[in-house]
Amino acid sequence: MNLLATKVPHIKPSLEVVGMRFNMAHECQSTGLDYQCEDTLTVHRLISELEAVTFDSQQRGHYLRDDLDSIIDIITGLSETLNNAKLCVSMAAIQRDNFNMVEIIAKYYQMETRWVIHSCLLHLIEIICRLNPTAIQEFLYSELPQEMVAEMQQHQNDDARFLQVAKTLGIIFMKGLPSPHKLALTMDIPFFIWLLGMTESMAEMNRPSDVDMLLALVCAYHLQHEEDSQNPVTEALKMAHGHALLESALIYLSKHDDPTKLLESSMEPKLNSVVLLLSHLFDNPDTADLLYTNDVEALIGIFEEFLRDLTRDDPLRTQMLHLLENFMRNYPDTVSMKGSLSKRLGPLLLNIREEKGKCGEMAAQILDDNSIIFDDV
């Protein structure tokens, strides 16, 4: 499969799903009795009922007058049963028949337009992703993310709907997996320009918690671009004001926090999502000057605190040095901040330079490349 993925790169995500399913086939260990318990039978019954509803929705173009309550009962029943069952039972139920449950939910979400049902489905999707993170990959490569993006754009004036969809969409990106080709075409540069515009509007209306949720979505999406600083997020930042988003990001970094925790996914990002975003921001001269001067001063203070307090074995220390390296290389006005940089960061970099290993090498490189700034250390 690796050879095929090399020759046809755009099908690599689909091949990864096949490999993942093969590896997961026997991962959930339990007893035969567990798989025949009441919770298992209840989940199977409810998902069969939801499948019937999905099939029925495909066959007709109108809603039945009295079907709403029964559909909500099915979805909430699935949520409650999966939440309360033994973990291995829930995992097995989710994985059953090559994640058939995920396929049914994604398909029904696409068929259904009533928000009250979508809201219940989003809650169910979040539960499934928390219980069995492997399902995230299945949701990511389904039609669900495209539907959610369209829903955000169509209902941007419905705050509760917009933000709930944004939260669930963020969870689907938390494993840092590459977007499939169709989703990449949907979540393109214009989409992120629009999303940055939404954050600015929310900031103007004094809605910082809503700005934070959109930051969480952007940071979760951006995890897949760890090795690629030129991506839809950074390209959008070249063309649109992202001051509200970046200010929120700095606040989270100053608190040693990660905005993706707002998604309540029960997953830790593979690296600090704000540090990754800022590292890519300062990796390009076109986006290296987006922070206001007072925000840059705050960032220098964050550098000082982190390099002073982080232990040698903390992986965040290497990430911060990489961010500092990019900042010193591309921020256009380091000379005017020479006093602050030299006084606050110079002694710390000198100490780190004495260490053996990657951090010592990075500190030495920063000092050598910026000798004009640190000449009096």
Protein backbone atom coordinates (compact mmCIF):
# COMPACT_ATOMS: atom_id res chain seq x y z
CA MET A 1 0.00 0.00 0.00
CA ASN A 2 2.91 2.35 0.68
CA LEU A 3 4.08 1.95 -2.92
CA LEU A 4 0.60 2.66 -4.25
CA ALA A 5 0.26 5.73 -1.98
CA THR A 6 3.57 7.06 -3.32
CA LYS A 7 2.42 6.72 -6.91
CA VAL A 8 -1.10 8.08 -6.28
CA PRO A 9 -0.76 10.53 -3.33
CA HIS A 10 -4.37 11.72 -3.21
CA ILE A 11 -5.64 8.22 -2.28
CA LYS A 12 -3.20 7.87 0.63
CA PRO A 13 -5.86 8.80 3.27
CA SER A 14 -8.20 6.08 1.97
CA LEU A 15 -5.39 3.50 2.11
CA GLU A 16 -4.66 4.54 5.69
CA VAL A 17 -8.28 3.84 6.61
CA VAL A 18 -8.00 0.34 5.15
CA GLY A 19 -4.81 -0.29 7.12
CA MET A 20 -6.33 1.11 10.30
CA ARG A 21 -9.37 -1.15 10.03
CA PHE A 22 -7.14 -4.18 9.56
CA ASN A 23 -5.06 -3.30 12.62
CA MET A 24 -8.11 -2.55 14.76
CA ALA A 25 -9.91 -5.79 13.96
CA HIS A 26 -8.81 -7.54 17.16
CA GLU A 27 -7.79 -4.60 19.32
CA CYS A 28 -10.85 -4.45 21.57
CA GLN A 29 -10.49 -7.36 24.00
CA SER A 30 -13.50 -8.66 25.91
CA THR A 31 -15.46 -11.82 26.60
CA GLY A 32 -18.15 -13.34 24.46
CA LEU A 33 -20.66 -12.55 27.20
CA ASP A 34 -19.81 -8.85 26.95
CA TYR A 35 -20.77 -8.84 23.31
CA GLN A 36 -24.13 -10.43 24.06
CA CYS A 37 -25.04 -8.21 27.03
CA GLU A 38 -28.11 -6.02 27.19
CA ASP A 39 -26.20 -2.87 26.24
CA THR A 40 -24.82 -4.52 23.10
CA LEU A 41 -28.25 -5.69 22.02
CA THR A 42 -29.73 -2.25 22.75
CA VAL A 43 -27.11 -0.49 20.62
CA HIS A 44 -27.61 -2.93 17.76
CA ARG A 45 -31.37 -2.44 17.90
CA LEU A 46 -31.13 1.35 17.99
CA ILE A 47 -28.61 1.60 15.17
CA SER A 48 -30.84 -0.67 13.07
CA GLU A 49 -33.74 1.68 13.76
CA LEU A 50 -31.62 4.69 12.80
CA GLU A 51 -30.57 2.93 9.60
CA ALA A 52 -34.24 2.38 8.77
CA VAL A 53 -34.92 6.08 9.37
CA THR A 54 -32.00 6.98 7.09
CA PHE A 55 -33.26 4.70 4.34
CA ASP A 56 -36.78 6.09 4.75
CA SER A 57 -35.45 9.67 4.49
CA GLN A 58 -33.78 8.78 1.20
CA GLN A 59 -37.04 7.46 -0.21
CA ARG A 60 -39.24 10.48 0.49
CA GLY A 61 -38.84 14.21 0.20
CA HIS A 62 -40.95 15.30 3.19
CA TYR A 63 -41.03 14.76 6.94
CA LEU A 64 -43.61 12.67 8.70
CA ARG A 65 -45.56 14.80 11.12
CA ASP A 66 -45.04 12.53 14.11
CA ASP A 67 -41.54 11.13 13.52
CA LEU A 68 -39.52 13.76 15.43
CA ASP A 69 -39.91 12.37 18.94
CA SER A 70 -39.18 8.80 17.89
CA ILE A 71 -36.01 9.83 16.02
CA ILE A 72 -34.75 11.87 18.98
CA ASP A 73 -35.45 8.88 21.25
CA ILE A 74 -33.32 6.66 19.00
CA ILE A 75 -30.37 9.06 18.95
CA THR A 76 -30.47 9.94 22.67
CA GLY A 77 -30.86 6.24 23.45
CA LEU A 78 -27.68 5.50 21.52
CA SER A 79 -25.83 8.31 23.32
CA GLU A 80 -26.92 7.17 26.78
CA THR A 81 -26.25 3.48 26.15
CA LEU A 82 -22.78 4.03 24.70
CA ASN A 83 -21.92 6.40 27.55
CA ASN A 84 -23.04 4.01 30.30
CA ALA A 85 -21.88 0.66 28.88
CA LYS A 86 -18.52 -0.94 29.59
CA LEU A 87 -15.85 0.71 27.46
CA CYS A 88 -14.97 -2.47 25.60
CA VAL A 89 -18.66 -3.03 24.81
CA SER A 90 -19.05 0.49 23.44
CA MET A 91 -15.83 0.24 21.43
CA ALA A 92 -16.90 -3.08 19.93
CA ALA A 93 -20.33 -1.70 19.06
CA ILE A 94 -18.79 1.32 17.33
CA GLN A 95 -16.31 -0.83 15.37
CA ARG A 96 -18.88 -3.47 14.40
CA ASP A 97 -19.11 -4.19 10.67
CA ASN A 98 -16.24 -1.88 9.74
CA PHE A 99 -17.67 1.09 11.66
CA ASN A 100 -21.09 0.74 10.10
CA MET A 101 -22.49 2.95 12.89
CA VAL A 102 -20.31 5.85 11.75
CA GLU A 103 -21.41 5.41 8.14
CA ILE A 104 -25.10 5.40 9.10
CA ILE A 105 -24.77 8.51 11.30
CA ALA A 106 -22.82 10.42 8.64
CA LYS A 107 -25.34 9.48 5.96
CA TYR A 108 -28.35 10.42 8.10
CA TYR A 109 -26.76 13.76 9.05
CA GLN A 110 -26.52 14.47 5.34
CA MET A 111 -30.17 13.52 4.76
CA GLU A 112 -31.64 15.37 7.74
CA THR A 113 -31.96 19.17 7.94
CA ARG A 114 -33.86 19.73 11.21
CA TRP A 115 -31.56 21.39 13.73
CA VAL A 116 -33.06 19.68 16.77
CA ILE A 117 -32.03 16.33 15.27
CA HIS A 118 -28.64 17.61 14.09
CA SER A 119 -27.95 18.81 17.62
CA CYS A 120 -28.63 15.33 19.02
CA LEU A 121 -26.47 13.76 16.31
CA LEU A 122 -23.57 16.11 17.08
CA HIS A 123 -23.74 15.09 20.75
CA LEU A 124 -23.71 11.42 19.70
CA ILE A 125 -20.75 11.99 17.35
CA GLU A 126 -18.76 13.61 20.18
CA ILE A 127 -19.47 10.64 22.47
CA ILE A 128 -18.37 8.15 19.80
CA CYS A 129 -15.12 10.05 19.17
CA ARG A 130 -14.33 10.19 22.90
CA LEU A 131 -15.06 6.50 23.46
CA ASN A 132 -13.30 5.24 20.36
CA PRO A 133 -10.86 7.78 18.87
CA THR A 134 -10.33 5.49 15.88
CA ALA A 135 -13.83 6.52 14.78
CA ILE A 136 -12.46 10.02 14.20
CA GLN A 137 -10.68 8.77 11.11
CA GLU A 138 -13.91 7.24 9.83
CA PHE A 139 -15.85 10.47 10.36
CA LEU A 140 -13.03 12.50 8.78
CA TYR A 141 -13.15 10.47 5.56
CA SER A 142 -16.94 10.43 5.38
CA GLU A 143 -19.17 13.17 3.91
CA LEU A 144 -19.84 14.52 7.42
CA PRO A 145 -17.15 17.26 7.60
CA GLN A 146 -18.24 18.79 4.30
CA GLU A 147 -21.84 18.85 5.58
CA MET A 148 -20.74 20.53 8.79
CA VAL A 149 -18.73 23.20 6.93
CA ALA A 150 -21.78 23.95 4.76
CA GLU A 151 -23.98 24.13 7.86
CA MET A 152 -21.64 26.61 9.55
CA GLN A 153 -21.71 28.85 6.49
CA GLN A 154 -25.47 28.61 5.97
CA HIS A 155 -26.32 29.29 9.62
CA GLN A 156 -23.60 31.72 10.65
CA ASN A 157 -26.19 33.99 12.27
CA ASP A 158 -27.49 31.20 14.52
CA ASP A 159 -24.85 31.40 17.24
CA ALA A 160 -25.72 28.19 19.10
CA ARG A 161 -25.86 26.12 15.91
CA PHE A 162 -22.71 27.67 14.43
CA LEU A 163 -20.63 27.07 17.56
CA GLN A 164 -21.87 23.54 18.29
CA VAL A 165 -21.06 22.46 14.73
CA ALA A 166 -17.64 24.16 14.98
CA LYS A 167 -16.87 22.30 18.21
CA THR A 168 -17.74 18.87 16.81
CA LEU A 169 -15.87 19.60 13.58
CA GLY A 170 -12.80 20.49 15.65
CA ILE A 171 -12.91 17.12 17.43
CA ILE A 172 -12.76 15.34 14.07
CA PHE A 173 -9.36 17.00 13.41
CA MET A 174 -7.83 16.30 16.82
CA LYS A 175 -5.70 13.35 15.70
CA GLY A 176 -3.85 15.54 13.20
CA LEU A 177 -4.77 13.30 10.28
CA PRO A 178 -4.56 14.67 6.72
CA SER A 179 -7.82 15.85 5.22
CA PRO A 180 -9.15 13.84 2.29
CA HIS A 181 -9.05 15.55 -1.08
CA LYS A 182 -12.72 16.60 -1.17
CA LEU A 183 -12.56 18.13 2.32
CA ALA A 184 -9.36 19.98 1.45
CA LEU A 185 -11.23 21.55 -1.45
CA THR A 186 -14.00 22.64 0.94
CA MET A 187 -11.83 23.93 3.80
CA ASP A 188 -9.73 26.06 1.48
CA ILE A 189 -8.20 29.52 1.78
CA PRO A 190 -11.53 31.37 1.19
CA PHE A 191 -13.13 29.30 3.97
CA PHE A 192 -10.48 30.32 6.48
CA ILE A 193 -10.62 33.96 5.34
CA TRP A 194 -14.34 33.82 6.08
CA LEU A 195 -13.70 32.13 9.45
CA LEU A 196 -11.14 34.78 10.42
CA GLY A 197 -13.75 37.39 9.55
CA MET A 198 -16.19 35.67 11.90
CA THR A 199 -13.65 35.81 14.75
CA GLU A 200 -13.14 39.54 14.19
CA SER A 201 -16.91 40.13 14.26
CA MET A 202 -17.24 38.15 17.48
CA ALA A 203 -14.38 40.09 19.06
CA GLU A 204 -16.05 43.39 18.11
CA MET A 205 -19.23 42.16 19.84
CA ASN A 206 -17.19 41.31 22.96
CA ARG A 207 -17.65 37.54 22.68
CA PRO A 208 -14.21 36.24 23.69
CA SER A 209 -15.41 32.72 24.54
CA ASP A 210 -16.80 32.34 21.02
CA VAL A 211 -13.50 33.57 19.54
CA ASP A 212 -11.78 30.93 21.67
CA MET A 213 -13.98 28.18 20.21
CA LEU A 214 -13.11 29.19 16.65
CA LEU A 215 -9.44 29.30 17.67
CA ALA A 216 -9.84 25.73 18.95
CA LEU A 217 -11.27 24.65 15.58
CA VAL A 218 -8.48 26.39 13.63
CA CYS A 219 -5.76 24.94 15.87
CA ALA A 220 -7.22 21.43 15.69
CA TYR A 221 -7.44 21.62 11.89
CA HIS A 222 -3.89 23.01 11.70
CA LEU A 223 -2.40 19.99 13.54
CA GLN A 224 -2.36 18.05 10.27
CA HIS A 225 0.05 20.63 8.79
CA GLU A 226 2.87 20.04 11.27
CA GLU A 227 5.43 19.77 8.47
CA ASP A 228 3.87 22.32 6.13
CA SER A 229 3.95 25.98 7.12
CA GLN A 230 2.30 26.91 3.81
CA ASN A 231 -1.27 25.76 4.33
CA PRO A 232 -4.81 27.20 4.07
CA VAL A 233 -4.66 28.73 7.57
CA THR A 234 -1.37 30.59 7.10
CA GLU A 235 -2.28 31.55 3.53
CA ALA A 236 -5.59 33.00 4.79
CA LEU A 237 -3.73 34.97 7.45
CA LYS A 238 -1.75 36.69 4.67
CA MET A 239 -4.98 38.06 3.21
CA ALA A 240 -7.28 38.66 6.20
CA HIS A 241 -7.06 40.27 9.59
CA GLY A 242 -6.53 37.60 12.21
CA HIS A 243 -5.76 39.85 15.16
CA ALA A 244 -8.58 38.54 17.38
CA LEU A 245 -7.57 34.94 16.74
CA LEU A 246 -3.86 35.62 17.34
CA GLU A 247 -4.54 37.62 20.50
CA SER A 248 -6.59 34.73 21.87
CA ALA A 249 -3.80 32.32 20.91
CA LEU A 250 -1.23 34.37 22.86
CA ILE A 251 -3.47 34.42 25.92
CA TYR A 252 -3.69 30.61 25.88
CA LEU A 253 0.06 30.28 25.45
CA SER A 254 0.72 32.68 28.34
CA LYS A 255 -1.46 30.47 30.55
CA HIS A 256 0.42 27.31 29.48
CA ASP A 257 -2.87 26.13 28.03
CA ASP A 258 -4.07 24.75 24.72
CA PRO A 259 -7.36 25.98 23.18
CA THR A 260 -8.14 22.52 21.79
CA LYS A 261 -9.10 21.51 25.35
CA LEU A 262 -12.30 23.49 24.76
CA LEU A 263 -13.36 20.75 22.35
CA GLU A 264 -13.55 18.26 25.25
CA SER A 265 -12.28 15.48 23.03
CA SER A 266 -10.36 13.64 25.78
CA MET A 267 -7.34 13.70 23.45
CA GLU A 268 -4.13 15.62 23.89
CA PRO A 269 -2.76 17.22 20.71
CA LYS A 270 0.49 15.66 19.52
CA LEU A 271 2.17 19.03 20.16
CA ASN A 272 1.11 22.43 21.49
CA SER A 273 -1.31 23.69 18.85
CA VAL A 274 -0.68 27.39 19.53
CA VAL A 275 3.11 27.01 19.33
CA LEU A 276 2.69 25.19 16.00
CA LEU A 277 0.44 27.94 14.64
CA LEU A 278 2.81 30.72 15.72
CA SER A 279 5.85 28.80 14.45
CA HIS A 280 4.28 28.66 11.00
CA LEU A 281 3.23 32.30 11.28
CA PHE A 282 6.84 33.38 11.85
CA ASP A 283 8.21 30.93 9.30
CA ASN A 284 7.11 33.24 6.49
CA PRO A 285 8.00 36.94 6.13
CA ASP A 286 4.50 37.63 4.78
CA THR A 287 2.89 36.65 8.09
CA ALA A 288 5.73 37.41 10.51
CA ASP A 289 4.56 40.98 11.12
CA LEU A 290 0.89 40.34 11.93
CA LEU A 291 1.17 40.79 15.70
CA TYR A 292 0.78 44.23 17.22
CA THR A 293 3.87 45.62 18.98
CA ASN A 294 2.41 45.10 22.45
CA ASP A 295 1.60 41.49 21.50
CA VAL A 296 5.21 40.99 20.39
CA GLU A 297 6.37 42.32 23.75
CA ALA A 298 4.04 39.84 25.43
CA LEU A 299 5.47 37.05 23.28
CA ILE A 300 9.02 37.95 24.36
CA GLY A 301 7.84 37.66 27.96
CA ILE A 302 6.39 34.23 27.18
CA PHE A 303 9.70 33.15 25.64
CA GLU A 304 11.50 34.28 28.79
CA GLU A 305 9.15 32.44 31.14
CA PHE A 306 9.10 29.20 29.17
CA LEU A 307 12.86 29.02 28.56
CA ARG A 308 13.48 29.78 32.23
CA ASP A 309 10.96 27.36 33.74
CA LEU A 310 10.62 24.39 31.37
CA THR A 311 12.69 21.35 32.29
CA ARG A 312 15.25 19.91 29.89
CA ASP A 313 13.11 16.86 29.09
CA ASP A 314 9.92 18.85 28.38
CA PRO A 315 9.18 18.55 24.62
CA LEU A 316 7.56 21.99 24.72
CA ARG A 317 11.02 23.48 25.33
CA THR A 318 12.20 22.33 21.88
CA GLN A 319 8.99 23.64 20.31
CA MET A 320 9.49 27.04 21.93
CA LEU A 321 13.09 27.25 20.73
CA HIS A 322 11.92 26.46 17.20
CA LEU A 323 9.30 29.22 17.50
CA LEU A 324 11.95 31.64 18.78
CA GLU A 325 14.24 30.64 15.91
CA ASN A 326 11.54 31.51 13.35
CA PHE A 327 10.65 34.72 15.18
CA MET A 328 14.25 35.96 15.22
CA ARG A 329 14.72 35.08 11.54
CA ASN A 330 11.61 36.72 10.09
CA TYR A 331 10.12 39.29 12.48
CA PRO A 332 10.99 42.57 10.70
CA ASP A 333 11.71 44.74 13.73
CA THR A 334 13.96 42.76 16.07
CA VAL A 335 16.62 45.49 15.98
CA SER A 336 14.35 48.04 17.68
CA MET A 337 13.64 45.44 20.38
CA LYS A 338 17.31 44.62 20.86
CA GLY A 339 17.35 45.80 24.48
CA SER A 340 14.44 43.64 25.54
CA LEU A 341 15.57 40.59 23.58
CA SER A 342 19.17 40.80 24.76
CA LYS A 343 18.36 41.40 28.42
CA ARG A 344 15.50 38.91 28.78
CA LEU A 345 16.51 36.09 26.45
CA GLY A 346 20.28 36.40 26.00
CA PRO A 347 21.38 34.92 29.38
CA LEU A 348 18.85 32.10 29.07
CA LEU A 349 20.09 31.17 25.60
CA LEU A 350 23.69 31.22 26.83
CA ASN A 351 22.83 28.74 29.58
CA ILE A 352 20.90 26.46 27.22
CA ARG A 353 23.77 26.59 24.71
CA GLU A 354 25.96 24.76 27.24
CA GLU A 355 23.65 21.74 27.18
CA LYS A 356 24.33 18.70 25.05
CA GLY A 357 21.66 17.71 22.58
CA LYS A 358 19.14 19.41 20.32
CA CYS A 359 18.18 22.29 22.63
CA GLY A 360 21.83 23.29 23.10
CA GLU A 361 22.37 23.24 19.35
CA MET A 362 19.25 25.32 18.68
CA ALA A 363 20.24 27.93 21.28
CA ALA A 364 23.73 28.18 19.82
CA GLN A 365 22.29 28.63 16.32
CA ILE A 366 19.93 31.38 17.48
CA LEU A 367 22.79 33.26 19.14
CA ASP A 368 25.06 32.86 16.11
CA ASP A 369 22.41 33.93 13.60
CA ASN A 370 21.50 37.01 15.64
CA SER A 371 24.88 38.19 16.89
CA ILE A 372 23.90 41.83 16.32
CA ILE A 373 21.01 41.46 18.79
CA PHE A 374 22.93 39.45 21.39
CA ASP A 375 26.39 41.05 21.00
CA ASP A 376 26.39 42.47 24.53
CA VAL A 377 25.36 39.24 26.33
